[in-house]
Amino acid sequence: MSFENKEMAERYWKENLKIMFKLLAIWFVVSFGASILFIDELNQITFMGFKLGFWFAQQGAMYVFIALIFVYVKQMNDLDKKYNVEE
């Protein structure tokens, strides 16, 4: 991967960090928020026979994390194309 100039590399890195922080914020809200902070409210709802707060703590956060990996791959491929550094 090579950039035309240092400014282009810095812009690429800033956009990469922006994508990462957004996805990590989503993961934090789902894993910490849904399974710890909002568990009492979520446990009022059942999902597949389980309380929703329990389900998020045990299963949901993992599914969201895996989905976020695929979203990150897609967004990074788009970013690579934008800066003409794709493999």
PDB file of N, CA and C in Angstrom:
ATOM      1  N   MET A   1       0.847  -1.165   0.000  1.00  0.00           N
ATOM      2  CA  MET A   1       0.000   0.000   0.000  1.00  0.00           C
ATOM      3  C   MET A   1       0.892   1.226   0.000  1.00  0.00           C
ATOM      4  N   SER A   2       0.677   2.068  -0.992  1.00  0.00           N
ATOM      5  CA  SER A   2       1.455   3.305  -1.022  1.00  0.00           C
ATOM      6  C   SER A   2       0.536   4.471  -1.363  1.00  0.00           C
ATOM      7  N   PHE A   3       0.780   5.573  -0.700  1.00  0.00           N
ATOM      8  CA  PHE A   3      -0.021   6.766  -0.897  1.00  0.00           C
ATOM      9  C   PHE A   3       0.763   7.759  -1.742  1.00  0.00           C
ATOM     10  N   GLU A   4       0.015   8.663  -2.385  1.00  0.00           N
ATOM     11  CA  GLU A   4       0.666   9.675  -3.224  1.00  0.00           C
ATOM     12  C   GLU A   4       1.487  10.653  -2.395  1.00  0.00           C
ATOM     13  N   ASN A   5       0.974  10.984  -1.200  1.00  0.00           N
ATOM     14  CA  ASN A   5       1.700  11.915  -0.342  1.00  0.00           C
ATOM     15  C   ASN A   5       1.309  11.671   1.113  1.00  0.00           C
ATOM     16  N   LYS A   6       2.015  12.356   1.989  1.00  0.00           N
ATOM     17  CA  LYS A   6       1.794  12.179   3.430  1.00  0.00           C
ATOM     18  C   LYS A   6       0.411  12.667   3.846  1.00  0.00           C
ATOM     19  N   GLU A   7      -0.063  13.740   3.244  1.00  0.00           N
ATOM     20  CA  GLU A   7      -1.388  14.282   3.581  1.00  0.00           C
ATOM     21  C   GLU A   7      -2.483  13.261   3.265  1.00  0.00           C
ATOM     22  N   MET A   8      -2.351  12.584   2.151  1.00  0.00           N
ATOM     23  CA  MET A   8      -3.329  11.566   1.769  1.00  0.00           C
ATOM     24  C   MET A   8      -3.315  10.401   2.771  1.00  0.00           C
ATOM     25  N   ALA A   9      -2.135  10.011   3.203  1.00  0.00           N
ATOM     26  CA  ALA A   9      -2.017   8.938   4.189  1.00  0.00           C
ATOM     27  C   ALA A   9      -2.640   9.348   5.521  1.00  0.00           C
ATOM     28  N   GLU A  10      -2.476  10.586   5.909  1.00  0.00           N
ATOM     29  CA  GLU A  10      -3.069  11.081   7.160  1.00  0.00           C
ATOM     30  C   GLU A  10      -4.591  11.117   7.075  1.00  0.00           C
ATOM     31  N   ARG A  11      -5.128  11.544   5.939  1.00  0.00           N
ATOM     32  CA  ARG A  11      -6.588  11.557   5.765  1.00  0.00           C
ATOM     33  C   ARG A  11      -7.142  10.138   5.815  1.00  0.00           C
ATOM     34  N   TYR A  12      -6.438   9.208   5.168  1.00  0.00           N
ATOM     35  CA  TYR A  12      -6.853   7.802   5.176  1.00  0.00           C
ATOM     36  C   TYR A  12      -6.884   7.279   6.617  1.00  0.00           C
ATOM     37  N   TRP A  13      -5.847   7.570   7.380  1.00  0.00           N
ATOM     38  CA  TRP A  13      -5.764   7.096   8.755  1.00  0.00           C
ATOM     39  C   TRP A  13      -6.871   7.709   9.623  1.00  0.00           C
ATOM     40  N   LYS A  14      -7.150   8.998   9.433  1.00  0.00           N
ATOM     41  CA  LYS A  14      -8.218   9.651  10.196  1.00  0.00           C
ATOM     42  C   LYS A  14      -9.574   9.027   9.886  1.00  0.00           C
ATOM     43  N   GLU A  15      -9.836   8.729   8.623  1.00  0.00           N
ATOM     44  CA  GLU A  15     -11.103   8.088   8.262  1.00  0.00           C
ATOM     45  C   GLU A  15     -11.175   6.673   8.818  1.00  0.00           C
ATOM     46  N   ASN A  16     -10.039   5.983   8.820  1.00  0.00           N
ATOM     47  CA  ASN A  16      -9.982   4.634   9.394  1.00  0.00           C
ATOM     48  C   ASN A  16     -10.322   4.686  10.882  1.00  0.00           C
ATOM     49  N   LEU A  17      -9.739   5.609  11.615  1.00  0.00           N
ATOM     50  CA  LEU A  17     -10.027   5.753  13.043  1.00  0.00           C
ATOM     51  C   LEU A  17     -11.479   6.115  13.292  1.00  0.00           C
ATOM     52  N   LYS A  18     -12.035   6.961  12.447  1.00  0.00           N
ATOM     53  CA  LYS A  18     -13.433   7.356  12.575  1.00  0.00           C
ATOM     54  C   LYS A  18     -14.352   6.137  12.438  1.00  0.00           C
ATOM     55  N   ILE A  19     -14.081   5.300  11.459  1.00  0.00           N
ATOM     56  CA  ILE A  19     -14.854   4.067  11.265  1.00  0.00           C
ATOM     57  C   ILE A  19     -14.712   3.166  12.489  1.00  0.00           C
ATOM     58  N   MET A  20     -13.474   2.975  12.949  1.00  0.00           N
ATOM     59  CA  MET A  20     -13.228   2.100  14.097  1.00  0.00           C
ATOM     60  C   MET A  20     -13.949   2.584  15.346  1.00  0.00           C
ATOM     61  N   PHE A  21     -13.869   3.869  15.639  1.00  0.00           N
ATOM     62  CA  PHE A  21     -14.501   4.394  16.850  1.00  0.00           C
ATOM     63  C   PHE A  21     -16.015   4.289  16.797  1.00  0.00           C
ATOM     64  N   LYS A  22     -16.606   4.511  15.629  1.00  0.00           N
ATOM     65  CA  LYS A  22     -18.056   4.360  15.493  1.00  0.00           C
ATOM     66  C   LYS A  22     -18.477   2.913  15.770  1.00  0.00           C
ATOM     67  N   LEU A  23     -17.763   1.969  15.177  1.00  0.00           N
ATOM     68  CA  LEU A  23     -18.117   0.568  15.360  1.00  0.00           C
ATOM     69  C   LEU A  23     -17.855   0.111  16.795  1.00  0.00           C
ATOM     70  N   LEU A  24     -16.781   0.585  17.395  1.00  0.00           N
ATOM     71  CA  LEU A  24     -16.521   0.238  18.792  1.00  0.00           C
ATOM     72  C   LEU A  24     -17.569   0.838  19.725  1.00  0.00           C
ATOM     73  N   ALA A  25     -18.062   2.020  19.399  1.00  0.00           N
ATOM     74  CA  ALA A  25     -19.123   2.628  20.207  1.00  0.00           C
ATOM     75  C   ALA A  25     -20.396   1.796  20.137  1.00  0.00           C
ATOM     76  N   ILE A  26     -20.733   1.321  18.945  1.00  0.00           N
ATOM     77  CA  ILE A  26     -21.907   0.452  18.790  1.00  0.00           C
ATOM     78  C   ILE A  26     -21.723  -0.809  19.613  1.00  0.00           C
ATOM     79  N   TRP A  27     -20.540  -1.415  19.510  1.00  0.00           N
ATOM     80  CA  TRP A  27     -20.280  -2.650  20.245  1.00  0.00           C
ATOM     81  C   TRP A  27     -20.350  -2.409  21.758  1.00  0.00           C
ATOM     82  N   PHE A  28     -19.822  -1.282  22.212  1.00  0.00           N
ATOM     83  CA  PHE A  28     -19.863  -0.950  23.631  1.00  0.00           C
ATOM     84  C   PHE A  28     -21.302  -0.803  24.116  1.00  0.00           C
ATOM     85  N   VAL A  29     -22.110  -0.069  23.365  1.00  0.00           N
ATOM     86  CA  VAL A  29     -23.508   0.134  23.759  1.00  0.00           C
ATOM     87  C   VAL A  29     -24.239  -1.200  23.834  1.00  0.00           C
ATOM     88  N   VAL A  30     -24.006  -2.064  22.861  1.00  0.00           N
ATOM     89  CA  VAL A  30     -24.696  -3.357  22.850  1.00  0.00           C
ATOM     90  C   VAL A  30     -24.179  -4.256  23.971  1.00  0.00           C
ATOM     91  N   SER A  31     -22.869  -4.380  24.096  1.00  0.00           N
ATOM     92  CA  SER A  31     -22.334  -5.332  25.073  1.00  0.00           C
ATOM     93  C   SER A  31     -22.445  -4.828  26.503  1.00  0.00           C
ATOM     94  N   PHE A  32     -22.082  -3.591  26.754  1.00  0.00           N
ATOM     95  CA  PHE A  32     -22.116  -3.053  28.107  1.00  0.00           C
ATOM     96  C   PHE A  32     -23.503  -2.535  28.457  1.00  0.00           C
ATOM     97  N   GLY A  33     -24.066  -1.756  27.543  1.00  0.00           N
ATOM     98  CA  GLY A  33     -25.362  -1.153  27.808  1.00  0.00           C
ATOM     99  C   GLY A  33     -26.483  -2.167  27.913  1.00  0.00           C
ATOM    100  N   ALA A  34     -26.605  -3.027  26.910  1.00  0.00           N
ATOM    101  CA  ALA A  34     -27.728  -3.964  26.884  1.00  0.00           C
ATOM    102  C   ALA A  34     -27.609  -5.045  27.938  1.00  0.00           C
ATOM    103  N   SER A  35     -26.414  -5.464  28.245  1.00  0.00           N
ATOM    104  CA  SER A  35     -26.282  -6.581  29.184  1.00  0.00           C
ATOM    105  C   SER A  35     -26.013  -6.148  30.628  1.00  0.00           C
ATOM    106  N   ILE A  36     -25.717  -4.866  30.869  1.00  0.00           N
ATOM    107  CA  ILE A  36     -25.434  -4.413  32.232  1.00  0.00           C
ATOM    108  C   ILE A  36     -26.311  -3.219  32.616  1.00  0.00           C
ATOM    109  N   LEU A  37     -26.236  -2.138  31.855  1.00  0.00           N
ATOM    110  CA  LEU A  37     -26.939  -0.916  32.240  1.00  0.00           C
ATOM    111  C   LEU A  37     -28.452  -1.007  32.093  1.00  0.00           C
ATOM    112  N   PHE A  38     -28.913  -1.598  30.998  1.00  0.00           N
ATOM    113  CA  PHE A  38     -30.344  -1.630  30.705  1.00  0.00           C
ATOM    114  C   PHE A  38     -30.946  -3.013  30.890  1.00  0.00           C
ATOM    115  N   ILE A  39     -30.304  -3.862  31.675  1.00  0.00           N
ATOM    116  CA  ILE A  39     -30.751  -5.249  31.796  1.00  0.00           C
ATOM    117  C   ILE A  39     -32.135  -5.360  32.421  1.00  0.00           C
ATOM    118  N   ASP A  40     -32.441  -4.544  33.411  1.00  0.00           N
ATOM    119  CA  ASP A  40     -33.753  -4.631  34.059  1.00  0.00           C
ATOM    120  C   ASP A  40     -34.882  -4.305  33.078  1.00  0.00           C
ATOM    121  N   GLU A  41     -34.680  -3.270  32.265  1.00  0.00           N
ATOM    122  CA  GLU A  41     -35.696  -2.908  31.280  1.00  0.00           C
ATOM    123  C   GLU A  41     -35.804  -3.972  30.199  1.00  0.00           C
ATOM    124  N   LEU A  42     -34.673  -4.477  29.735  1.00  0.00           N
ATOM    125  CA  LEU A  42     -34.685  -5.475  28.664  1.00  0.00           C
ATOM    126  C   LEU A  42     -35.229  -6.822  29.134  1.00  0.00           C
ATOM    127  N   ASN A  43     -35.068  -7.131  30.404  1.00  0.00           N
ATOM    128  CA  ASN A  43     -35.576  -8.410  30.915  1.00  0.00           C
ATOM    129  C   ASN A  43     -37.100  -8.449  30.963  1.00  0.00           C
ATOM    130  N   GLN A  44     -37.746  -7.319  30.741  1.00  0.00           N
ATOM    131  CA  GLN A  44     -39.205  -7.303  30.658  1.00  0.00           C
ATOM    132  C   GLN A  44     -39.694  -7.891  29.336  1.00  0.00           C
ATOM    133  N   ILE A  45     -38.788  -8.009  28.374  1.00  0.00           N
ATOM    134  CA  ILE A  45     -39.097  -8.533  27.038  1.00  0.00           C
ATOM    135  C   ILE A  45     -38.499  -9.927  26.912  1.00  0.00           C
ATOM    136  N   THR A  46     -39.229 -10.858  26.325  1.00  0.00           N
ATOM    137  CA  THR A  46     -38.675 -12.194  26.095  1.00  0.00           C
ATOM    138  C   THR A  46     -38.332 -12.350  24.624  1.00  0.00           C
ATOM    139  N   PHE A  47     -37.269 -13.094  24.371  1.00  0.00           N
ATOM    140  CA  PHE A  47     -36.803 -13.369  23.013  1.00  0.00           C
ATOM    141  C   PHE A  47     -36.407 -14.830  22.950  1.00  0.00           C
ATOM    142  N   MET A  48     -37.077 -15.590  22.113  1.00  0.00           N
ATOM    143  CA  MET A  48     -36.831 -17.027  21.965  1.00  0.00           C
ATOM    144  C   MET A  48     -36.904 -17.740  23.319  1.00  0.00           C
ATOM    145  N   GLY A  49     -37.812 -17.308  24.174  1.00  0.00           N
ATOM    146  CA  GLY A  49     -38.019 -17.933  25.469  1.00  0.00           C
ATOM    147  C   GLY A  49     -37.091 -17.448  26.570  1.00  0.00           C
ATOM    148  N   PHE A  50     -36.199 -16.537  26.278  1.00  0.00           N
ATOM    149  CA  PHE A  50     -35.259 -16.010  27.267  1.00  0.00           C
ATOM    150  C   PHE A  50     -35.538 -14.530  27.492  1.00  0.00           C
ATOM    151  N   LYS A  51     -35.169 -14.037  28.654  1.00  0.00           N
ATOM    152  CA  LYS A  51     -35.246 -12.597  28.898  1.00  0.00           C
ATOM    153  C   LYS A  51     -34.234 -11.920  27.982  1.00  0.00           C
ATOM    154  N   LEU A  52     -34.646 -10.801  27.390  1.00  0.00           N
ATOM    155  CA  LEU A  52     -33.809 -10.141  26.392  1.00  0.00           C
ATOM    156  C   LEU A  52     -32.467  -9.670  26.962  1.00  0.00           C
ATOM    157  N   GLY A  53     -32.443  -9.167  28.178  1.00  0.00           N
ATOM    158  CA  GLY A  53     -31.181  -8.745  28.795  1.00  0.00           C
ATOM    159  C   GLY A  53     -30.225  -9.913  28.948  1.00  0.00           C
ATOM    160  N   PHE A  54     -30.743 -11.054  29.385  1.00  0.00           N
ATOM    161  CA  PHE A  54     -29.922 -12.256  29.506  1.00  0.00           C
ATOM    162  C   PHE A  54     -29.420 -12.698  28.134  1.00  0.00           C
ATOM    163  N   TRP A  55     -30.306 -12.659  27.134  1.00  0.00           N
ATOM    164  CA  TRP A  55     -29.920 -13.088  25.790  1.00  0.00           C
ATOM    165  C   TRP A  55     -28.789 -12.218  25.246  1.00  0.00           C
ATOM    166  N   PHE A  56     -28.900 -10.883  25.422  1.00  0.00           N
ATOM    167  CA  PHE A  56     -27.836  -9.998  24.956  1.00  0.00           C
ATOM    168  C   PHE A  56     -26.530 -10.285  25.687  1.00  0.00           C
ATOM    169  N   ALA A  57     -26.593 -10.536  26.970  1.00  0.00           N
ATOM    170  CA  ALA A  57     -25.379 -10.806  27.735  1.00  0.00           C
ATOM    171  C   ALA A  57     -24.720 -12.106  27.285  1.00  0.00           C
ATOM    172  N   GLN A  58     -25.513 -13.099  26.909  1.00  0.00           N
ATOM    173  CA  GLN A  58     -24.964 -14.404  26.567  1.00  0.00           C
ATOM    174  C   GLN A  58     -24.720 -14.598  25.075  1.00  0.00           C
ATOM    175  N   GLN A  59     -25.591 -14.085  24.223  1.00  0.00           N
ATOM    176  CA  GLN A  59     -25.510 -14.364  22.794  1.00  0.00           C
ATOM    177  C   GLN A  59     -25.455 -13.109  21.933  1.00  0.00           C
ATOM    178  N   GLY A  60     -26.350 -12.186  22.189  1.00  0.00           N
ATOM    179  CA  GLY A  60     -26.538 -11.037  21.313  1.00  0.00           C
ATOM    180  C   GLY A  60     -25.297 -10.207  21.077  1.00  0.00           C
ATOM    181  N   ALA A  61     -24.531  -9.964  22.122  1.00  0.00           N
ATOM    182  CA  ALA A  61     -23.319  -9.149  21.968  1.00  0.00           C
ATOM    183  C   ALA A  61     -22.321  -9.821  21.026  1.00  0.00           C
ATOM    184  N   MET A  62     -22.243 -11.141  21.067  1.00  0.00           N
ATOM    185  CA  MET A  62     -21.334 -11.854  20.158  1.00  0.00           C
ATOM    186  C   MET A  62     -21.802 -11.734  18.712  1.00  0.00           C
ATOM    187  N   TYR A  63     -23.112 -11.875  18.493  1.00  0.00           N
ATOM    188  CA  TYR A  63     -23.647 -11.751  17.135  1.00  0.00           C
ATOM    189  C   TYR A  63     -23.423 -10.349  16.587  1.00  0.00           C
ATOM    190  N   VAL A  64     -23.635  -9.355  17.417  1.00  0.00           N
ATOM    191  CA  VAL A  64     -23.412  -7.976  16.983  1.00  0.00           C
ATOM    192  C   VAL A  64     -21.937  -7.762  16.667  1.00  0.00           C
ATOM    193  N   PHE A  65     -21.043  -8.293  17.493  1.00  0.00           N
ATOM    194  CA  PHE A  65     -19.605  -8.149  17.247  1.00  0.00           C
ATOM    195  C   PHE A  65     -19.214  -8.777  15.913  1.00  0.00           C
ATOM    196  N   ILE A  66     -19.729  -9.952  15.621  1.00  0.00           N
ATOM    197  CA  ILE A  66     -19.421 -10.613  14.349  1.00  0.00           C
ATOM    198  C   ILE A  66     -19.967  -9.803  13.183  1.00  0.00           C
ATOM    199  N   ALA A  67     -21.186  -9.280  13.322  1.00  0.00           N
ATOM    200  CA  ALA A  67     -21.756  -8.441  12.267  1.00  0.00           C
ATOM    201  C   ALA A  67     -20.901  -7.192  12.060  1.00  0.00           C
ATOM    202  N   LEU A  68     -20.403  -6.612  13.139  1.00  0.00           N
ATOM    203  CA  LEU A  68     -19.560  -5.419  13.029  1.00  0.00           C
ATOM    204  C   LEU A  68     -18.247  -5.708  12.314  1.00  0.00           C
ATOM    205  N   ILE A  69     -17.739  -6.918  12.443  1.00  0.00           N
ATOM    206  CA  ILE A  69     -16.520  -7.295  11.707  1.00  0.00           C
ATOM    207  C   ILE A  69     -16.783  -7.220  10.207  1.00  0.00           C
ATOM    208  N   PHE A  70     -17.921  -7.756   9.771  1.00  0.00           N
ATOM    209  CA  PHE A  70     -18.258  -7.709   8.346  1.00  0.00           C
ATOM    210  C   PHE A  70     -18.499  -6.275   7.875  1.00  0.00           C
ATOM    211  N   VAL A  71     -19.124  -5.460   8.705  1.00  0.00           N
ATOM    212  CA  VAL A  71     -19.335  -4.047   8.366  1.00  0.00           C
ATOM    213  C   VAL A  71     -17.984  -3.345   8.242  1.00  0.00           C
ATOM    214  N   TYR A  72     -17.066  -3.633   9.157  1.00  0.00           N
ATOM    215  CA  TYR A  72     -15.736  -3.013   9.117  1.00  0.00           C
ATOM    216  C   TYR A  72     -14.989  -3.406   7.837  1.00  0.00           C
ATOM    217  N   VAL A  73     -15.054  -4.674   7.474  1.00  0.00           N
ATOM    218  CA  VAL A  73     -14.380  -5.138   6.248  1.00  0.00           C
ATOM    219  C   VAL A  73     -14.935  -4.394   5.036  1.00  0.00           C
ATOM    220  N   LYS A  74     -16.254  -4.276   4.953  1.00  0.00           N
ATOM    221  CA  LYS A  74     -16.887  -3.598   3.823  1.00  0.00           C
ATOM    222  C   LYS A  74     -16.481  -2.129   3.790  1.00  0.00           C
ATOM    223  N   GLN A  75     -16.534  -1.461   4.931  1.00  0.00           N
ATOM    224  CA  GLN A  75     -16.192  -0.038   4.960  1.00  0.00           C
ATOM    225  C   GLN A  75     -14.713   0.194   4.651  1.00  0.00           C
ATOM    226  N   MET A  76     -13.852  -0.697   5.111  1.00  0.00           N
ATOM    227  CA  MET A  76     -12.419  -0.536   4.821  1.00  0.00           C
ATOM    228  C   MET A  76     -12.123  -0.805   3.349  1.00  0.00           C
ATOM    229  N   ASN A  77     -12.818  -1.768   2.750  1.00  0.00           N
ATOM    230  CA  ASN A  77     -12.640  -1.994   1.312  1.00  0.00           C
ATOM    231  C   ASN A  77     -13.072  -0.765   0.525  1.00  0.00           C
ATOM    232  N   ASP A  78     -14.187  -0.137   0.937  1.00  0.00           N
ATOM    233  CA  ASP A  78     -14.635   1.094   0.283  1.00  0.00           C
ATOM    234  C   ASP A  78     -13.620   2.222   0.486  1.00  0.00           C
ATOM    235  N   LEU A  79     -13.061   2.318   1.675  1.00  0.00           N
ATOM    236  CA  LEU A  79     -12.059   3.349   1.956  1.00  0.00           C
ATOM    237  C   LEU A  79     -10.799   3.115   1.124  1.00  0.00           C
ATOM    238  N   ASP A  80     -10.379   1.869   1.016  1.00  0.00           N
ATOM    239  CA  ASP A  80      -9.209   1.546   0.185  1.00  0.00           C
ATOM    240  C   ASP A  80      -9.433   1.952  -1.263  1.00  0.00           C
ATOM    241  N   LYS A  81     -10.632   1.687  -1.777  1.00  0.00           N
ATOM    242  CA  LYS A  81     -10.934   2.086  -3.157  1.00  0.00           C
ATOM    243  C   LYS A  81     -10.941   3.598  -3.294  1.00  0.00           C
ATOM    244  N   LYS A  82     -11.476   4.283  -2.308  1.00  0.00           N
ATOM    245  CA  LYS A  82     -11.532   5.742  -2.341  1.00  0.00           C
ATOM    246  C   LYS A  82     -10.133   6.349  -2.447  1.00  0.00           C
ATOM    247  N   TYR A  83      -9.186   5.774  -1.735  1.00  0.00           N
ATOM    248  CA  TYR A  83      -7.809   6.297  -1.744  1.00  0.00           C
ATOM    249  C   TYR A  83      -6.908   5.533  -2.710  1.00  0.00           C
ATOM    250  N   ASN A  84      -7.506   4.646  -3.494  1.00  0.00           N
ATOM    251  CA  ASN A  84      -6.788   3.909  -4.528  1.00  0.00           C
ATOM    252  C   ASN A  84      -5.607   3.116  -3.967  1.00  0.00           C
ATOM    253  N   VAL A  85      -5.853   2.423  -2.846  1.00  0.00           N
ATOM    254  CA  VAL A  85      -4.809   1.596  -2.234  1.00  0.00           C
ATOM    255  C   VAL A  85      -5.288   0.157  -2.030  1.00  0.00           C
ATOM    256  N   GLU A  86      -6.330  -0.249  -2.784  1.00  0.00           N
ATOM    257  CA  GLU A  86      -6.838  -1.609  -2.590  1.00  0.00           C
ATOM    258  C   GLU A  86      -5.841  -2.625  -3.133  1.00  0.00           C
ATOM    259  N   GLU A  87      -5.958  -3.825  -2.620  1.00  0.00           N
ATOM    260  CA  GLU A  87      -5.029  -4.883  -3.025  1.00  0.00           C
ATOM    261  C   GLU A  87      -5.403  -5.449  -4.359  1.00  0.00           C
TER     262      GLU A  87
END
